[in-house]
Each structure stands twice: as C-alpha cells, then as structure tokens.
PDB file of N, CA and C in Angstrom:
ATOM      1  N   MET A   1     -26.099 232.068  11.062  1.00  0.00           N
ATOM      2  CA  MET A   1     -25.222 233.209  11.176  1.00  0.00           C
ATOM      3  C   MET A   1     -24.427 233.392   9.893  1.00  0.00           C
ATOM      4  N   GLU A   2     -24.354 234.607   9.507  1.00  0.00           N
ATOM      5  CA  GLU A   2     -23.600 234.925   8.302  1.00  0.00           C
ATOM      6  C   GLU A   2     -22.236 235.468   8.700  1.00  0.00           C
ATOM      7  N   GLU A   3     -21.208 234.823   8.193  1.00  0.00           N
ATOM      8  CA  GLU A   3     -19.855 235.259   8.509  1.00  0.00           C
ATOM      9  C   GLU A   3     -19.385 236.264   7.469  1.00  0.00           C
ATOM     10  N   GLN A   4     -18.730 237.301   7.963  1.00  0.00           N
ATOM     11  CA  GLN A   4     -18.169 238.288   7.045  1.00  0.00           C
ATOM     12  C   GLN A   4     -16.792 237.814   6.598  1.00  0.00           C
ATOM     13  N   LYS A   5     -16.535 237.963   5.323  1.00  0.00           N
ATOM     14  CA  LYS A   5     -15.227 237.593   4.802  1.00  0.00           C
ATOM     15  C   LYS A   5     -14.257 238.737   5.087  1.00  0.00           C
ATOM     16  N   LYS A   6     -13.173 238.385   5.727  1.00  0.00           N
ATOM     17  CA  LYS A   6     -12.162 239.374   6.053  1.00  0.00           C
ATOM     18  C   LYS A   6     -11.077 239.320   4.978  1.00  0.00           C
ATOM     19  N   ALA A   7     -10.594 240.479   4.605  1.00  0.00           N
ATOM     20  CA  ALA A   7      -9.551 240.541   3.594  1.00  0.00           C
ATOM     21  C   ALA A   7      -8.284 239.873   4.102  1.00  0.00           C
ATOM     22  N   LEU A   8      -7.556 239.266   3.196  1.00  0.00           N
ATOM     23  CA  LEU A   8      -6.338 238.558   3.560  1.00  0.00           C
ATOM     24  C   LEU A   8      -5.248 239.524   4.004  1.00  0.00           C
ATOM     25  N   PHE A   9      -5.160 240.673   3.322  1.00  0.00           N
ATOM     26  CA  PHE A   9      -4.158 241.675   3.645  1.00  0.00           C
ATOM     27  C   PHE A   9      -4.835 242.981   4.022  1.00  0.00           C
ATOM     28  N   ALA A  10      -4.224 243.692   4.949  1.00  0.00           N
ATOM     29  CA  ALA A  10      -4.706 245.016   5.322  1.00  0.00           C
ATOM     30  C   ALA A  10      -4.109 246.053   4.377  1.00  0.00           C
ATOM     31  N   LYS A  11      -4.600 247.269   4.471  1.00  0.00           N
ATOM     32  CA  LYS A  11      -4.103 248.351   3.622  1.00  0.00           C
ATOM     33  C   LYS A  11      -2.610 248.576   3.842  1.00  0.00           C
ATOM     34  N   LYS A  12      -2.170 248.438   5.084  1.00  0.00           N
ATOM     35  CA  LYS A  12      -0.755 248.628   5.425  1.00  0.00           C
ATOM     36  C   LYS A  12       0.113 247.582   4.722  1.00  0.00           C
ATOM     37  N   ASN A  13      -0.384 246.346   4.605  1.00  0.00           N
ATOM     38  CA  ASN A  13       0.356 245.306   3.893  1.00  0.00           C
ATOM     39  C   ASN A  13       0.593 245.697   2.439  1.00  0.00           C
ATOM     40  N   PHE A  14      -0.449 246.204   1.797  1.00  0.00           N
ATOM     41  CA  PHE A  14      -0.315 246.610   0.403  1.00  0.00           C
ATOM     42  C   PHE A  14       0.642 247.779   0.252  1.00  0.00           C
ATOM     43  N   GLN A  15       0.651 248.691   1.201  1.00  0.00           N
ATOM     44  CA  GLN A  15       1.577 249.827   1.143  1.00  0.00           C
ATOM     45  C   GLN A  15       3.025 249.342   1.278  1.00  0.00           C
ATOM     46  N   ILE A  16       3.254 248.403   2.183  1.00  0.00           N
ATOM     47  CA  ILE A  16       4.599 247.867   2.364  1.00  0.00           C
ATOM     48  C   ILE A  16       5.037 247.092   1.116  1.00  0.00           C
ATOM     49  N   MET A  17       4.131 246.298   0.546  1.00  0.00           N
ATOM     50  CA  MET A  17       4.471 245.558  -0.665  1.00  0.00           C
ATOM     51  C   MET A  17       4.734 246.499  -1.839  1.00  0.00           C
ATOM     52  N   ALA A  18       3.989 247.595  -1.926  1.00  0.00           N
ATOM     53  CA  ALA A  18       4.222 248.577  -2.983  1.00  0.00           C
ATOM     54  C   ALA A  18       5.595 249.228  -2.820  1.00  0.00           C
ATOM     55  N   ALA A  19       5.982 249.507  -1.584  1.00  0.00           N
ATOM     56  CA  ALA A  19       7.311 250.065  -1.335  1.00  0.00           C
ATOM     57  C   ALA A  19       8.393 249.072  -1.770  1.00  0.00           C
ATOM     58  N   GLY A  20       8.157 247.786  -1.538  1.00  0.00           N
ATOM     59  CA  GLY A  20       9.101 246.762  -1.979  1.00  0.00           C
ATOM     60  C   GLY A  20       9.218 246.710  -3.489  1.00  0.00           C
ATOM     61  N   VAL A  21       8.098 246.826  -4.183  1.00  0.00           N
ATOM     62  CA  VAL A  21       8.118 246.831  -5.654  1.00  0.00           C
ATOM     63  C   VAL A  21       8.894 248.037  -6.161  1.00  0.00           C
ATOM     64  N   VAL A  22       8.693 249.192  -5.526  1.00  0.00           N
ATOM     65  CA  VAL A  22       9.420 250.400  -5.923  1.00  0.00           C
ATOM     66  C   VAL A  22      10.922 250.198  -5.738  1.00  0.00           C
ATOM     67  N   LEU A  23      11.325 249.594  -4.624  1.00  0.00           N
ATOM     68  CA  LEU A  23      12.745 249.335  -4.397  1.00  0.00           C
ATOM     69  C   LEU A  23      13.327 248.389  -5.452  1.00  0.00           C
ATOM     70  N   VAL A  24      12.589 247.361  -5.818  1.00  0.00           N
ATOM     71  CA  VAL A  24      13.068 246.436  -6.844  1.00  0.00           C
ATOM     72  C   VAL A  24      13.216 247.155  -8.182  1.00  0.00           C
ATOM     73  N   VAL A  25      12.235 247.964  -8.545  1.00  0.00           N
ATOM     74  CA  VAL A  25      12.307 248.697  -9.815  1.00  0.00           C
ATOM     75  C   VAL A  25      13.487 249.666  -9.809  1.00  0.00           C
ATOM     76  N   VAL A  26      13.671 250.379  -8.701  1.00  0.00           N
ATOM     77  CA  VAL A  26      14.808 251.302  -8.596  1.00  0.00           C
ATOM     78  C   VAL A  26      16.125 250.544  -8.723  1.00  0.00           C
ATOM     79  N   GLY A  27      16.218 249.384  -8.102  1.00  0.00           N
ATOM     80  CA  GLY A  27      17.426 248.575  -8.201  1.00  0.00           C
ATOM     81  C   GLY A  27      17.724 248.162  -9.631  1.00  0.00           C
ATOM     82  N   PHE A  28      16.702 247.747 -10.371  1.00  0.00           N
ATOM     83  CA  PHE A  28      16.926 247.361 -11.760  1.00  0.00           C
ATOM     84  C   PHE A  28      17.256 248.560 -12.631  1.00  0.00           C
ATOM     85  N   ILE A  29      16.693 249.713 -12.324  1.00  0.00           N
ATOM     86  CA  ILE A  29      17.055 250.930 -13.066  1.00  0.00           C
ATOM     87  C   ILE A  29      18.516 251.278 -12.807  1.00  0.00           C
ATOM     88  N   LEU A  30      18.960 251.122 -11.558  1.00  0.00           N
ATOM     89  CA  LEU A  30      20.369 251.389 -11.242  1.00  0.00           C
ATOM     90  C   LEU A  30      21.303 250.414 -11.960  1.00  0.00           C
ATOM     91  N   MET A  31      20.847 249.188 -12.193  1.00  0.00           N
ATOM     92  CA  MET A  31      21.675 248.210 -12.897  1.00  0.00           C
ATOM     93  C   MET A  31      21.766 248.483 -14.390  1.00  0.00           C
ATOM     94  N   ALA A  32      20.811 249.202 -14.927  1.00  0.00           N
ATOM     95  CA  ALA A  32      20.763 249.437 -16.372  1.00  0.00           C
ATOM     96  C   ALA A  32      21.885 250.380 -16.799  1.00  0.00           C
ATOM     97  N   GLY A  33      22.184 250.343 -18.064  1.00  0.00           N
ATOM     98  CA  GLY A  33      23.180 251.259 -18.614  1.00  0.00           C
ATOM     99  C   GLY A  33      24.528 250.594 -18.784  1.00  0.00           C
ATOM    100  N   GLY A  34      25.528 251.418 -19.006  1.00  0.00           N
ATOM    101  CA  GLY A  34      26.871 250.904 -19.219  1.00  0.00           C
ATOM    102  C   GLY A  34      27.157 250.533 -20.650  1.00  0.00           C
ATOM    103  N   LYS A  35      26.274 250.963 -21.532  1.00  0.00           N
ATOM    104  CA  LYS A  35      26.430 250.627 -22.943  1.00  0.00           C
ATOM    105  C   LYS A  35      27.518 251.491 -23.569  1.00  0.00           C
ATOM    106  N   ALA A  36      28.368 250.891 -24.356  1.00  0.00           N
ATOM    107  CA  ALA A  36      29.417 251.623 -25.062  1.00  0.00           C
ATOM    108  C   ALA A  36      28.819 252.306 -26.288  1.00  0.00           C
ATOM    109  N   ASP A  37      29.448 253.395 -26.679  1.00  0.00           N
ATOM    110  CA  ASP A  37      28.978 254.114 -27.870  1.00  0.00           C
ATOM    111  C   ASP A  37      29.192 253.288 -29.139  1.00  0.00           C
ATOM    112  N   SER A  38      30.266 252.533 -29.156  1.00  0.00           N
ATOM    113  CA  SER A  38      30.588 251.711 -30.314  1.00  0.00           C
ATOM    114  C   SER A  38      30.828 250.277 -29.840  1.00  0.00           C
ATOM    115  N   PRO A  39      30.405 249.288 -30.605  1.00  0.00           N
ATOM    116  CA  PRO A  39      30.649 247.905 -30.180  1.00  0.00           C
ATOM    117  C   PRO A  39      32.131 247.532 -30.207  1.00  0.00           C
ATOM    118  N   ASP A  40      32.947 248.348 -30.855  1.00  0.00           N
ATOM    119  CA  ASP A  40      34.384 248.071 -30.922  1.00  0.00           C
ATOM    120  C   ASP A  40      35.131 248.591 -29.693  1.00  0.00           C
ATOM    121  N   ILE A  41      34.485 249.439 -28.904  1.00  0.00           N
ATOM    122  CA  ILE A  41      35.129 250.052 -27.742  1.00  0.00           C
ATOM    123  C   ILE A  41      34.524 249.465 -26.474  1.00  0.00           C
ATOM    124  N   PHE A  42      35.395 249.006 -25.566  1.00  0.00           N
ATOM    125  CA  PHE A  42      34.934 248.434 -24.298  1.00  0.00           C
ATOM    126  C   PHE A  42      34.695 249.559 -23.296  1.00  0.00           C
ATOM    127  N   SER A  43      33.565 249.515 -22.615  1.00  0.00           N
ATOM    128  CA  SER A  43      33.216 250.524 -21.623  1.00  0.00           C
ATOM    129  C   SER A  43      33.469 249.990 -20.218  1.00  0.00           C
ATOM    130  N   GLU A  44      34.272 250.699 -19.440  1.00  0.00           N
ATOM    131  CA  GLU A  44      34.547 250.322 -18.053  1.00  0.00           C
ATOM    132  C   GLU A  44      33.386 250.672 -17.120  1.00  0.00           C
ATOM    133  N   GLU A  45      32.379 251.354 -17.634  1.00  0.00           N
ATOM    134  CA  GLU A  45      31.246 251.788 -16.811  1.00  0.00           C
ATOM    135  C   GLU A  45      30.448 250.612 -16.235  1.00  0.00           C
ATOM    136  N   ILE A  46      30.546 249.460 -16.863  1.00  0.00           N
ATOM    137  CA  ILE A  46      29.794 248.305 -16.359  1.00  0.00           C
ATOM    138  C   ILE A  46      30.347 247.801 -15.027  1.00  0.00           C
ATOM    139  N   PHE A  47      31.550 248.226 -14.660  1.00  0.00           N
ATOM    140  CA  PHE A  47      32.156 247.801 -13.399  1.00  0.00           C
ATOM    141  C   PHE A  47      32.020 248.849 -12.306  1.00  0.00           C
ATOM    142  N   SER A  48      31.060 249.762 -12.430  1.00  0.00           N
ATOM    143  CA  SER A  48      30.889 250.809 -11.423  1.00  0.00           C
ATOM    144  C   SER A  48      30.332 250.213 -10.130  1.00  0.00           C
ATOM    145  N   ARG A  49      30.594 250.895  -9.041  1.00  0.00           N
ATOM    146  CA  ARG A  49      30.134 250.441  -7.723  1.00  0.00           C
ATOM    147  C   ARG A  49      28.610 250.376  -7.676  1.00  0.00           C
ATOM    148  N   THR A  50      27.950 251.298  -8.358  1.00  0.00           N
ATOM    149  CA  THR A  50      26.485 251.311  -8.352  1.00  0.00           C
ATOM    150  C   THR A  50      25.919 250.058  -8.990  1.00  0.00           C
ATOM    151  N   LYS A  51      26.468 249.660 -10.110  1.00  0.00           N
ATOM    152  CA  LYS A  51      25.930 248.509 -10.831  1.00  0.00           C
ATOM    153  C   LYS A  51      26.286 247.179 -10.163  1.00  0.00           C
ATOM    154  N   LEU A  52      27.435 247.113  -9.514  1.00  0.00           N
ATOM    155  CA  LEU A  52      27.873 245.843  -8.935  1.00  0.00           C
ATOM    156  C   LEU A  52      27.486 245.651  -7.473  1.00  0.00           C
ATOM    157  N   THR A  53      27.275 246.738  -6.738  1.00  0.00           N
ATOM    158  CA  THR A  53      27.025 246.609  -5.309  1.00  0.00           C
ATOM    159  C   THR A  53      25.695 247.214  -4.882  1.00  0.00           C
ATOM    160  N   VAL A  54      25.493 248.481  -5.178  1.00  0.00           N
ATOM    161  CA  VAL A  54      24.316 249.197  -4.682  1.00  0.00           C
ATOM    162  C   VAL A  54      23.026 248.644  -5.289  1.00  0.00           C
ATOM    163  N   ALA A  55      23.011 248.442  -6.596  1.00  0.00           N
ATOM    164  CA  ALA A  55      21.787 247.980  -7.264  1.00  0.00           C
ATOM    165  C   ALA A  55      21.346 246.588  -6.804  1.00  0.00           C
ATOM    166  N   PRO A  56      22.229 245.595  -6.743  1.00  0.00           N
ATOM    167  CA  PRO A  56      21.778 244.279  -6.255  1.00  0.00           C
ATOM    168  C   PRO A  56      21.309 244.302  -4.802  1.00  0.00           C
ATOM    169  N   ILE A  57      21.959 245.100  -3.959  1.00  0.00           N
ATOM    170  CA  ILE A  57      21.519 245.209  -2.571  1.00  0.00           C
ATOM    171  C   ILE A  57      20.138 245.850  -2.506  1.00  0.00           C
ATOM    172  N   THR A  58      19.891 246.841  -3.361  1.00  0.00           N
ATOM    173  CA  THR A  58      18.583 247.499  -3.404  1.00  0.00           C
ATOM    174  C   THR A  58      17.501 246.517  -3.841  1.00  0.00           C
ATOM    175  N   VAL A  59      17.791 245.701  -4.834  1.00  0.00           N
ATOM    176  CA  VAL A  59      16.818 244.701  -5.299  1.00  0.00           C
ATOM    177  C   VAL A  59      16.546 243.674  -4.194  1.00  0.00           C
ATOM    178  N   LEU A  60      17.594 243.192  -3.548  1.00  0.00           N
ATOM    179  CA  LEU A  60      17.424 242.219  -2.472  1.00  0.00           C
ATOM    180  C   LEU A  60      16.622 242.816  -1.321  1.00  0.00           C
ATOM    181  N   LEU A  61      16.911 244.058  -0.966  1.00  0.00           N
ATOM    182  CA  LEU A  61      16.164 244.737   0.088  1.00  0.00           C
ATOM    183  C   LEU A  61      14.687 244.877  -0.302  1.00  0.00           C
ATOM    184  N   GLY A  62      14.425 245.167  -1.585  1.00  0.00           N
ATOM    185  CA  GLY A  62      13.046 245.269  -2.057  1.00  0.00           C
ATOM    186  C   GLY A  62      12.299 243.957  -1.911  1.00  0.00           C
ATOM    187  N   TYR A  63      12.963 242.847  -2.256  1.00  0.00           N
ATOM    188  CA  TYR A  63      12.322 241.536  -2.099  1.00  0.00           C
ATOM    189  C   TYR A  63      12.083 241.216  -0.623  1.00  0.00           C
ATOM    190  N   MET A  64      13.001 241.608   0.242  1.00  0.00           N
ATOM    191  CA  MET A  64      12.808 241.386   1.674  1.00  0.00           C
ATOM    192  C   MET A  64      11.642 242.215   2.216  1.00  0.00           C
ATOM    193  N   VAL A  65      11.518 243.450   1.744  1.00  0.00           N
ATOM    194  CA  VAL A  65      10.399 244.309   2.169  1.00  0.00           C
ATOM    195  C   VAL A  65       9.077 243.708   1.702  1.00  0.00           C
ATOM    196  N   MET A  66       9.047 243.193   0.472  1.00  0.00           N
ATOM    197  CA  MET A  66       7.818 242.562  -0.014  1.00  0.00           C
ATOM    198  C   MET A  66       7.471 241.329   0.818  1.00  0.00           C
ATOM    199  N   GLY A  67       8.461 240.526   1.164  1.00  0.00           N
ATOM    200  CA  GLY A  67       8.219 239.365   2.012  1.00  0.00           C
ATOM    201  C   GLY A  67       7.686 239.761   3.377  1.00  0.00           C
ATOM    202  N   PHE A  68       8.238 240.830   3.947  1.00  0.00           N
ATOM    203  CA  PHE A  68       7.749 241.331   5.224  1.00  0.00           C
ATOM    204  C   PHE A  68       6.304 241.785   5.093  1.00  0.00           C
ATOM    205  N   GLY A  69       5.991 242.472   3.982  1.00  0.00           N
ATOM    206  CA  GLY A  69       4.623 242.938   3.769  1.00  0.00           C
ATOM    207  C   GLY A  69       3.628 241.802   3.643  1.00  0.00           C
ATOM    208  N   ILE A  70       4.078 240.691   3.113  1.00  0.00           N
ATOM    209  CA  ILE A  70       3.200 239.526   2.972  1.00  0.00           C
ATOM    210  C   ILE A  70       3.025 238.810   4.309  1.00  0.00           C
ATOM    211  N   LEU A  71       4.102 238.683   5.072  1.00  0.00           N
ATOM    212  CA  LEU A  71       4.062 237.878   6.279  1.00  0.00           C
ATOM    213  C   LEU A  71       3.549 238.624   7.523  1.00  0.00           C
ATOM    214  N   LYS A  72       3.677 239.934   7.556  1.00  0.00           N
ATOM    215  CA  LYS A  72       3.279 240.699   8.722  1.00  0.00           C
ATOM    216  C   LYS A  72       1.757 240.754   8.838  1.00  0.00           C
ATOM    217  N   LYS A  73       1.242 240.514  10.031  1.00  0.00           N
ATOM    218  CA  LYS A  73      -0.194 240.515  10.279  1.00  0.00           C
ATOM    219  C   LYS A  73      -0.578 241.824  10.976  1.00  0.00           C
ATOM    220  N   PHE A  74      -1.374 242.630  10.294  1.00  0.00           N
ATOM    221  CA  PHE A  74      -1.892 243.860  10.863  1.00  0.00           C
ATOM    222  C   PHE A  74      -3.378 243.655  11.188  1.00  0.00           C
ATOM    223  N   ASP A  75      -3.830 244.249  12.275  1.00  0.00           N
ATOM    224  CA  ASP A  75      -5.236 244.105  12.658  1.00  0.00           C
ATOM    225  C   ASP A  75      -6.117 245.106  11.968  1.00  0.00           C
TER     226      ASP A  75
END
C-alpha cells in the first residue's frame, strides 16, 4: 500500500500565519519614526502613545496569531 503524504499545514493555517506576519510588520512600522530634525534638538515624539503602547501590543498580538496558526489543526 502506498501512503499519501499529507501536508503539515492546511491552507487556512498559512492564511492565519500570514495575517500574523502582517500584524507584526504593522506593529514595527508603528514603532518607527520619532527622529528629530537636528541631533541637537530632543524630540518628544518618541514618547507617543502609539510607539509605547499600541505598536508593542500589535506586535505581540501578531506573534500570538502566528502561534495559533501553527498550533490549530484544520481538517
């Protein structure tokens, strides 16, 4: 008897993992910026709510979505 090799992940798993990657990339894009125009001038923009709270939560959520995509078993 010849056994068929079944794929480790279903198409849905890859879609969920891709969504997780997108969330991680968006989170890192949100963290970027805050550069001052001159090195002699301090920019308060680095302490914005987006960079300190929203972006890290988005990255963490993206990693959790990727983990779910890896661990979830679809038929």
